[in-house]
Amino acid sequence: MSAFAGFRFPPEVIVVAVRWYLRYNLSYRDVEELLAERGIEADHVTVYRWVQRFTPLLADAARFTRRAPGDRWYVDETYVKVNGVWR
């Protein structure tokens, strides 16, 4: 069953609202205003509930797509000077 089941708004709207709040350091009322400018009437309390419920899910989803630095390095060709000779 989807984590978004039972919500009035489509998952795309919820994810965008939560992402705006987290990424751009907006208030719940700011997110409410941005949604209203796009024709979506959602109360700031609704946005608060979305953030509380879906932030852990989005963080877990993002964690799997990130790669650790130094995970793998590929080098096609390289030259190294050893004792004054390029190898």
PDB file of N, CA and C in Angstrom:
ATOM      1  N   MET A   1       0.849  -1.180   0.000  1.00  0.00           N
ATOM      2  CA  MET A   1       0.000   0.000   0.000  1.00  0.00           C
ATOM      3  C   MET A   1       0.890   1.238   0.000  1.00  0.00           C
ATOM      4  N   SER A   2       0.487   2.238  -0.732  1.00  0.00           N
ATOM      5  CA  SER A   2       1.269   3.468  -0.868  1.00  0.00           C
ATOM      6  C   SER A   2       1.222   4.295   0.417  1.00  0.00           C
ATOM      7  N   ALA A   3       2.320   5.001   0.674  1.00  0.00           N
ATOM      8  CA  ALA A   3       2.365   5.890   1.837  1.00  0.00           C
ATOM      9  C   ALA A   3       1.429   7.070   1.649  1.00  0.00           C
ATOM     10  N   PHE A   4       1.037   7.335   0.412  1.00  0.00           N
ATOM     11  CA  PHE A   4       0.175   8.472   0.097  1.00  0.00           C
ATOM     12  C   PHE A   4      -1.303   8.094   0.044  1.00  0.00           C
ATOM     13  N   ALA A   5      -1.633   6.847   0.309  1.00  0.00           N
ATOM     14  CA  ALA A   5      -3.023   6.396   0.257  1.00  0.00           C
ATOM     15  C   ALA A   5      -3.849   7.122   1.313  1.00  0.00           C
ATOM     16  N   GLY A   6      -5.029   7.541   0.910  1.00  0.00           N
ATOM     17  CA  GLY A   6      -5.948   8.200   1.830  1.00  0.00           C
ATOM     18  C   GLY A   6      -5.801   9.702   1.897  1.00  0.00           C
ATOM     19  N   PHE A   7      -4.842  10.264   1.175  1.00  0.00           N
ATOM     20  CA  PHE A   7      -4.677  11.710   1.166  1.00  0.00           C
ATOM     21  C   PHE A   7      -5.472  12.315   0.018  1.00  0.00           C
ATOM     22  N   ARG A   8      -5.996  13.510   0.248  1.00  0.00           N
ATOM     23  CA  ARG A   8      -6.833  14.186  -0.736  1.00  0.00           C
ATOM     24  C   ARG A   8      -6.030  14.674  -1.927  1.00  0.00           C
ATOM     25  N   PHE A   9      -4.782  15.064  -1.691  1.00  0.00           N
ATOM     26  CA  PHE A   9      -3.948  15.637  -2.738  1.00  0.00           C
ATOM     27  C   PHE A   9      -3.096  14.555  -3.394  1.00  0.00           C
ATOM     28  N   PRO A  10      -2.751  14.750  -4.665  1.00  0.00           N
ATOM     29  CA  PRO A  10      -1.886  13.766  -5.338  1.00  0.00           C
ATOM     30  C   PRO A  10      -0.497  13.728  -4.694  1.00  0.00           C
ATOM     31  N   PRO A  11       0.180  12.610  -4.806  1.00  0.00           N
ATOM     32  CA  PRO A  11       1.528  12.490  -4.219  1.00  0.00           C
ATOM     33  C   PRO A  11       2.500  13.546  -4.739  1.00  0.00           C
ATOM     34  N   GLU A  12       2.361  13.947  -6.001  1.00  0.00           N
ATOM     35  CA  GLU A  12       3.271  14.941  -6.571  1.00  0.00           C
ATOM     36  C   GLU A  12       3.172  16.273  -5.830  1.00  0.00           C
ATOM     37  N   VAL A  13       1.967  16.667  -5.459  1.00  0.00           N
ATOM     38  CA  VAL A  13       1.759  17.935  -4.743  1.00  0.00           C
ATOM     39  C   VAL A  13       2.372  17.839  -3.348  1.00  0.00           C
ATOM     40  N   ILE A  14       2.162  16.735  -2.688  1.00  0.00           N
ATOM     41  CA  ILE A  14       2.681  16.557  -1.331  1.00  0.00           C
ATOM     42  C   ILE A  14       4.208  16.573  -1.344  1.00  0.00           C
ATOM     43  N   VAL A  15       4.807  15.849  -2.275  1.00  0.00           N
ATOM     44  CA  VAL A  15       6.266  15.779  -2.338  1.00  0.00           C
ATOM     45  C   VAL A  15       6.857  17.146  -2.648  1.00  0.00           C
ATOM     46  N   VAL A  16       6.241  17.890  -3.569  1.00  0.00           N
ATOM     47  CA  VAL A  16       6.754  19.222  -3.908  1.00  0.00           C
ATOM     48  C   VAL A  16       6.652  20.153  -2.706  1.00  0.00           C
ATOM     49  N   ALA A  17       5.550  20.107  -2.000  1.00  0.00           N
ATOM     50  CA  ALA A  17       5.365  20.979  -0.830  1.00  0.00           C
ATOM     51  C   ALA A  17       6.400  20.662   0.252  1.00  0.00           C
ATOM     52  N   VAL A  18       6.614  19.382   0.518  1.00  0.00           N
ATOM     53  CA  VAL A  18       7.591  18.993   1.542  1.00  0.00           C
ATOM     54  C   VAL A  18       9.000  19.378   1.092  1.00  0.00           C
ATOM     55  N   ARG A  19       9.284  19.176  -0.182  1.00  0.00           N
ATOM     56  CA  ARG A  19      10.621  19.524  -0.692  1.00  0.00           C
ATOM     57  C   ARG A  19      10.869  21.022  -0.604  1.00  0.00           C
ATOM     58  N   TRP A  20       9.880  21.834  -0.965  1.00  0.00           N
ATOM     59  CA  TRP A  20      10.041  23.295  -0.844  1.00  0.00           C
ATOM     60  C   TRP A  20      10.330  23.677   0.593  1.00  0.00           C
ATOM     61  N   TYR A  21       9.581  23.101   1.514  1.00  0.00           N
ATOM     62  CA  TYR A  21       9.771  23.437   2.926  1.00  0.00           C
ATOM     63  C   TYR A  21      11.185  23.081   3.390  1.00  0.00           C
ATOM     64  N   LEU A  22      11.635  21.895   3.037  1.00  0.00           N
ATOM     65  CA  LEU A  22      12.942  21.432   3.510  1.00  0.00           C
ATOM     66  C   LEU A  22      14.101  22.104   2.787  1.00  0.00           C
ATOM     67  N   ARG A  23      13.985  22.252   1.481  1.00  0.00           N
ATOM     68  CA  ARG A  23      15.115  22.739   0.682  1.00  0.00           C
ATOM     69  C   ARG A  23      15.325  24.236   0.822  1.00  0.00           C
ATOM     70  N   TYR A  24      14.260  25.013   0.819  1.00  0.00           N
ATOM     71  CA  TYR A  24      14.367  26.467   0.760  1.00  0.00           C
ATOM     72  C   TYR A  24      14.115  27.156   2.089  1.00  0.00           C
ATOM     73  N   ASN A  25      14.020  26.394   3.169  1.00  0.00           N
ATOM     74  CA  ASN A  25      13.864  26.960   4.510  1.00  0.00           C
ATOM     75  C   ASN A  25      12.677  27.926   4.577  1.00  0.00           C
ATOM     76  N   LEU A  26      11.544  27.492   4.041  1.00  0.00           N
ATOM     77  CA  LEU A  26      10.333  28.304   4.042  1.00  0.00           C
ATOM     78  C   LEU A  26       9.487  27.967   5.263  1.00  0.00           C
ATOM     79  N   SER A  27       8.598  28.879   5.595  1.00  0.00           N
ATOM     80  CA  SER A  27       7.641  28.584   6.649  1.00  0.00           C
ATOM     81  C   SER A  27       6.471  27.813   6.038  1.00  0.00           C
ATOM     82  N   TYR A  28       5.650  27.238   6.896  1.00  0.00           N
ATOM     83  CA  TYR A  28       4.486  26.501   6.405  1.00  0.00           C
ATOM     84  C   TYR A  28       3.541  27.447   5.671  1.00  0.00           C
ATOM     85  N   ARG A  29       3.420  28.664   6.152  1.00  0.00           N
ATOM     86  CA  ARG A  29       2.559  29.642   5.479  1.00  0.00           C
ATOM     87  C   ARG A  29       3.132  30.063   4.126  1.00  0.00           C
ATOM     88  N   ASP A  30       4.460  30.114   4.012  1.00  0.00           N
ATOM     89  CA  ASP A  30       5.073  30.406   2.719  1.00  0.00           C
ATOM     90  C   ASP A  30       4.754  29.305   1.708  1.00  0.00           C
ATOM     91  N   VAL A  31       4.860  28.070   2.142  1.00  0.00           N
ATOM     92  CA  VAL A  31       4.534  26.950   1.253  1.00  0.00           C
ATOM     93  C   VAL A  31       3.067  26.981   0.883  1.00  0.00           C
ATOM     94  N   GLU A  32       2.218  27.301   1.850  1.00  0.00           N
ATOM     95  CA  GLU A  32       0.786  27.432   1.580  1.00  0.00           C
ATOM     96  C   GLU A  32       0.545  28.494   0.505  1.00  0.00           C
ATOM     97  N   GLU A  33       1.250  29.606   0.596  1.00  0.00           N
ATOM     98  CA  GLU A  33       1.103  30.691  -0.378  1.00  0.00           C
ATOM     99  C   GLU A  33       1.598  30.270  -1.765  1.00  0.00           C
ATOM    100  N   LEU A  34       2.729  29.569  -1.814  1.00  0.00           N
ATOM    101  CA  LEU A  34       3.243  29.091  -3.103  1.00  0.00           C
ATOM    102  C   LEU A  34       2.276  28.113  -3.762  1.00  0.00           C
ATOM    103  N   LEU A  35       1.696  27.237  -2.971  1.00  0.00           N
ATOM    104  CA  LEU A  35       0.711  26.308  -3.519  1.00  0.00           C
ATOM    105  C   LEU A  35      -0.533  27.051  -4.008  1.00  0.00           C
ATOM    106  N   ALA A  36      -0.964  28.064  -3.247  1.00  0.00           N
ATOM    107  CA  ALA A  36      -2.145  28.837  -3.643  1.00  0.00           C
ATOM    108  C   ALA A  36      -1.906  29.574  -4.961  1.00  0.00           C
ATOM    109  N   GLU A  37      -0.677  30.046  -5.170  1.00  0.00           N
ATOM    110  CA  GLU A  37      -0.351  30.704  -6.434  1.00  0.00           C
ATOM    111  C   GLU A  37      -0.473  29.750  -7.609  1.00  0.00           C
ATOM    112  N   ARG A  38      -0.366  28.478  -7.345  1.00  0.00           N
ATOM    113  CA  ARG A  38      -0.474  27.463  -8.389  1.00  0.00           C
ATOM    114  C   ARG A  38      -1.848  26.805  -8.414  1.00  0.00           C
ATOM    115  N   GLY A  39      -2.805  27.382  -7.683  1.00  0.00           N
ATOM    116  CA  GLY A  39      -4.184  26.909  -7.709  1.00  0.00           C
ATOM    117  C   GLY A  39      -4.474  25.741  -6.794  1.00  0.00           C
ATOM    118  N   ILE A  40      -3.611  25.486  -5.821  1.00  0.00           N
ATOM    119  CA  ILE A  40      -3.810  24.377  -4.887  1.00  0.00           C
ATOM    120  C   ILE A  40      -4.094  24.965  -3.512  1.00  0.00           C
ATOM    121  N   GLU A  41      -5.283  24.748  -3.019  1.00  0.00           N
ATOM    122  CA  GLU A  41      -5.695  25.289  -1.726  1.00  0.00           C
ATOM    123  C   GLU A  41      -5.399  24.267  -0.626  1.00  0.00           C
ATOM    124  N   ALA A  42      -4.312  24.479   0.085  1.00  0.00           N
ATOM    125  CA  ALA A  42      -3.941  23.609   1.211  1.00  0.00           C
ATOM    126  C   ALA A  42      -3.575  24.514   2.387  1.00  0.00           C
ATOM    127  N   ASP A  43      -4.076  24.185   3.544  1.00  0.00           N
ATOM    128  CA  ASP A  43      -3.818  24.976   4.740  1.00  0.00           C
ATOM    129  C   ASP A  43      -2.389  24.725   5.239  1.00  0.00           C
ATOM    130  N   HIS A  44      -1.845  25.716   5.962  1.00  0.00           N
ATOM    131  CA  HIS A  44      -0.484  25.559   6.487  1.00  0.00           C
ATOM    132  C   HIS A  44      -0.390  24.408   7.487  1.00  0.00           C
ATOM    133  N   VAL A  45      -1.461  24.098   8.169  1.00  0.00           N
ATOM    134  CA  VAL A  45      -1.456  22.969   9.099  1.00  0.00           C
ATOM    135  C   VAL A  45      -1.356  21.653   8.320  1.00  0.00           C
ATOM    136  N   THR A  46      -1.993  21.612   7.158  1.00  0.00           N
ATOM    137  CA  THR A  46      -1.888  20.440   6.294  1.00  0.00           C
ATOM    138  C   THR A  46      -0.452  20.254   5.839  1.00  0.00           C
ATOM    139  N   VAL A  47       0.190  21.345   5.442  1.00  0.00           N
ATOM    140  CA  VAL A  47       1.597  21.276   5.030  1.00  0.00           C
ATOM    141  C   VAL A  47       2.448  20.788   6.200  1.00  0.00           C
ATOM    142  N   TYR A  48       2.175  21.267   7.405  1.00  0.00           N
ATOM    143  CA  TYR A  48       2.891  20.817   8.605  1.00  0.00           C
ATOM    144  C   TYR A  48       2.755  19.307   8.778  1.00  0.00           C
ATOM    145  N   ARG A  49       1.552  18.797   8.630  1.00  0.00           N
ATOM    146  CA  ARG A  49       1.319  17.353   8.791  1.00  0.00           C
ATOM    147  C   ARG A  49       2.046  16.550   7.717  1.00  0.00           C
ATOM    148  N   TRP A  50       2.063  17.077   6.480  1.00  0.00           N
ATOM    149  CA  TRP A  50       2.795  16.414   5.405  1.00  0.00           C
ATOM    150  C   TRP A  50       4.280  16.346   5.744  1.00  0.00           C
ATOM    151  N   VAL A  51       4.823  17.457   6.213  1.00  0.00           N
ATOM    152  CA  VAL A  51       6.253  17.506   6.533  1.00  0.00           C
ATOM    153  C   VAL A  51       6.572  16.506   7.639  1.00  0.00           C
ATOM    154  N   GLN A  52       5.753  16.454   8.673  1.00  0.00           N
ATOM    155  CA  GLN A  52       5.994  15.539   9.777  1.00  0.00           C
ATOM    156  C   GLN A  52       5.923  14.084   9.331  1.00  0.00           C
ATOM    157  N   ARG A  53       5.016  13.797   8.431  1.00  0.00           N
ATOM    158  CA  ARG A  53       4.804  12.403   8.022  1.00  0.00           C
ATOM    159  C   ARG A  53       5.791  11.940   6.950  1.00  0.00           C
ATOM    160  N   PHE A  54       6.102  12.805   5.971  1.00  0.00           N
ATOM    161  CA  PHE A  54       6.844  12.346   4.797  1.00  0.00           C
ATOM    162  C   PHE A  54       8.330  12.688   4.800  1.00  0.00           C
ATOM    163  N   THR A  55       8.800  13.520   5.712  1.00  0.00           N
ATOM    164  CA  THR A  55      10.233  13.835   5.747  1.00  0.00           C
ATOM    165  C   THR A  55      11.083  12.583   5.971  1.00  0.00           C
ATOM    166  N   PRO A  56      10.756  11.728   6.925  1.00  0.00           N
ATOM    167  CA  PRO A  56      11.581  10.519   7.085  1.00  0.00           C
ATOM    168  C   PRO A  56      11.573   9.624   5.844  1.00  0.00           C
ATOM    169  N   LEU A  57      10.428   9.535   5.167  1.00  0.00           N
ATOM    170  CA  LEU A  57      10.346   8.693   3.971  1.00  0.00           C
ATOM    171  C   LEU A  57      11.197   9.269   2.839  1.00  0.00           C
ATOM    172  N   LEU A  58      11.146  10.578   2.666  1.00  0.00           N
ATOM    173  CA  LEU A  58      11.933  11.207   1.608  1.00  0.00           C
ATOM    174  C   LEU A  58      13.426  11.135   1.929  1.00  0.00           C
ATOM    175  N   ALA A  59      13.778  11.274   3.182  1.00  0.00           N
ATOM    176  CA  ALA A  59      15.190  11.177   3.573  1.00  0.00           C
ATOM    177  C   ALA A  59      15.725   9.774   3.314  1.00  0.00           C
ATOM    178  N   ASP A  60      14.935   8.758   3.623  1.00  0.00           N
ATOM    179  CA  ASP A  60      15.354   7.378   3.362  1.00  0.00           C
ATOM    180  C   ASP A  60      15.491   7.124   1.871  1.00  0.00           C
ATOM    181  N   ALA A  61      14.568   7.645   1.083  1.00  0.00           N
ATOM    182  CA  ALA A  61      14.623   7.453  -0.371  1.00  0.00           C
ATOM    183  C   ALA A  61      15.845   8.145  -0.960  1.00  0.00           C
ATOM    184  N   ALA A  62      16.185   9.320  -0.464  1.00  0.00           N
ATOM    185  CA  ALA A  62      17.331  10.061  -0.988  1.00  0.00           C
ATOM    186  C   ALA A  62      18.647   9.420  -0.559  1.00  0.00           C
ATOM    187  N   ARG A  63      18.678   8.804   0.578  1.00  0.00           N
ATOM    188  CA  ARG A  63      19.908   8.210   1.101  1.00  0.00           C
ATOM    189  C   ARG A  63      20.421   7.096   0.190  1.00  0.00           C
ATOM    190  N   PHE A  64      19.534   6.329  -0.419  1.00  0.00           N
ATOM    191  CA  PHE A  64      19.955   5.221  -1.261  1.00  0.00           C
ATOM    192  C   PHE A  64      20.501   5.692  -2.606  1.00  0.00           C
ATOM    193  N   THR A  65      20.105   6.863  -3.054  1.00  0.00           N
ATOM    194  CA  THR A  65      20.567   7.328  -4.358  1.00  0.00           C
ATOM    195  C   THR A  65      21.892   8.067  -4.268  1.00  0.00           C
ATOM    196  N   ARG A  66      22.271   8.525  -3.101  1.00  0.00           N
ATOM    197  CA  ARG A  66      23.551   9.222  -2.947  1.00  0.00           C
ATOM    198  C   ARG A  66      24.688   8.221  -2.915  1.00  0.00           C
ATOM    199  N   ARG A  67      25.784   8.599  -3.520  1.00  0.00           N
ATOM    200  CA  ARG A  67      26.977   7.763  -3.470  1.00  0.00           C
ATOM    201  C   ARG A  67      27.995   8.413  -2.551  1.00  0.00           C
ATOM    202  N   ALA A  68      28.679   7.585  -1.834  1.00  0.00           N
ATOM    203  CA  ALA A  68      29.703   8.099  -0.930  1.00  0.00           C
ATOM    204  C   ALA A  68      30.899   8.569  -1.750  1.00  0.00           C
ATOM    205  N   PRO A  69      31.524   9.672  -1.356  1.00  0.00           N
ATOM    206  CA  PRO A  69      32.727  10.080  -2.069  1.00  0.00           C
ATOM    207  C   PRO A  69      33.808   9.021  -1.912  1.00  0.00           C
ATOM    208  N   GLY A  70      34.512   8.782  -2.994  1.00  0.00           N
ATOM    209  CA  GLY A  70      35.550   7.780  -2.947  1.00  0.00           C
ATOM    210  C   GLY A  70      35.027   6.370  -3.117  1.00  0.00           C
ATOM    211  N   ASP A  71      33.757   6.239  -3.524  1.00  0.00           N
ATOM    212  CA  ASP A  71      33.166   4.920  -3.695  1.00  0.00           C
ATOM    213  C   ASP A  71      33.917   4.126  -4.767  1.00  0.00           C
ATOM    214  N   ARG A  72      34.054   4.706  -5.964  1.00  0.00           N
ATOM    215  CA  ARG A  72      34.799   4.083  -7.049  1.00  0.00           C
ATOM    216  C   ARG A  72      35.412   5.166  -7.906  1.00  0.00           C
ATOM    217  N   TRP A  73      36.567   4.897  -8.380  1.00  0.00           N
ATOM    218  CA  TRP A  73      37.253   5.823  -9.281  1.00  0.00           C
ATOM    219  C   TRP A  73      37.702   5.040 -10.505  1.00  0.00           C
ATOM    220  N   TYR A  74      37.452   5.604 -11.670  1.00  0.00           N
ATOM    221  CA  TYR A  74      37.889   4.982 -12.910  1.00  0.00           C
ATOM    222  C   TYR A  74      38.845   5.933 -13.614  1.00  0.00           C
ATOM    223  N   VAL A  75      39.977   5.396 -14.049  1.00  0.00           N
ATOM    224  CA  VAL A  75      40.954   6.191 -14.760  1.00  0.00           C
ATOM    225  C   VAL A  75      41.249   5.472 -16.065  1.00  0.00           C
ATOM    226  N   ASP A  76      41.077   6.192 -17.178  1.00  0.00           N
ATOM    227  CA  ASP A  76      41.348   5.570 -18.472  1.00  0.00           C
ATOM    228  C   ASP A  76      42.848   5.465 -18.714  1.00  0.00           C
ATOM    229  N   GLU A  77      43.534   6.586 -18.658  1.00  0.00           N
ATOM    230  CA  GLU A  77      44.978   6.594 -18.867  1.00  0.00           C
ATOM    231  C   GLU A  77      45.600   7.550 -17.873  1.00  0.00           C
ATOM    232  N   THR A  78      46.773   7.197 -17.430  1.00  0.00           N
ATOM    233  CA  THR A  78      47.482   8.097 -16.541  1.00  0.00           C
ATOM    234  C   THR A  78      48.985   7.903 -16.736  1.00  0.00           C
ATOM    235  N   TYR A  79      49.700   8.947 -16.512  1.00  0.00           N
ATOM    236  CA  TYR A  79      51.157   8.900 -16.580  1.00  0.00           C
ATOM    237  C   TYR A  79      51.698   9.385 -15.250  1.00  0.00           C
ATOM    238  N   VAL A  80      52.668   8.644 -14.729  1.00  0.00           N
ATOM    239  CA  VAL A  80      53.279   8.981 -13.451  1.00  0.00           C
ATOM    240  C   VAL A  80      54.786   9.013 -13.662  1.00  0.00           C
ATOM    241  N   LYS A  81      55.417  10.023 -13.112  1.00  0.00           N
ATOM    242  CA  LYS A  81      56.864  10.122 -13.202  1.00  0.00           C
ATOM    243  C   LYS A  81      57.484   9.320 -12.060  1.00  0.00           C
ATOM    244  N   VAL A  82      58.252   8.281 -12.411  1.00  0.00           N
ATOM    245  CA  VAL A  82      58.918   7.436 -11.431  1.00  0.00           C
ATOM    246  C   VAL A  82      60.419   7.532 -11.688  1.00  0.00           C
ATOM    247  N   ASN A  83      61.143   8.030 -10.695  1.00  0.00           N
ATOM    248  CA  ASN A  83      62.582   8.218 -10.814  1.00  0.00           C
ATOM    249  C   ASN A  83      62.954   9.019 -12.065  1.00  0.00           C
ATOM    250  N   GLY A  84      62.145  10.049 -12.375  1.00  0.00           N
ATOM    251  CA  GLY A  84      62.431  10.922 -13.502  1.00  0.00           C
ATOM    252  C   GLY A  84      61.999  10.380 -14.854  1.00  0.00           C
ATOM    253  N   VAL A  85      61.355   9.229 -14.892  1.00  0.00           N
ATOM    254  CA  VAL A  85      60.893   8.621 -16.158  1.00  0.00           C
ATOM    255  C   VAL A  85      59.376   8.540 -16.114  1.00  0.00           C
ATOM    256  N   TRP A  86      58.719   9.013 -17.200  1.00  0.00           N
ATOM    257  CA  TRP A  86      57.257   8.929 -17.297  1.00  0.00           C
ATOM    258  C   TRP A  86      56.852   7.504 -17.616  1.00  0.00           C
ATOM    259  N   ARG A  87      55.959   6.968 -16.884  1.00  0.00           N
ATOM    260  CA  ARG A  87      55.479   5.587 -17.089  1.00  0.00           C
ATOM    261  C   ARG A  87      53.984   5.577 -17.284  1.00  0.00           C
TER     262      ARG A  87
END
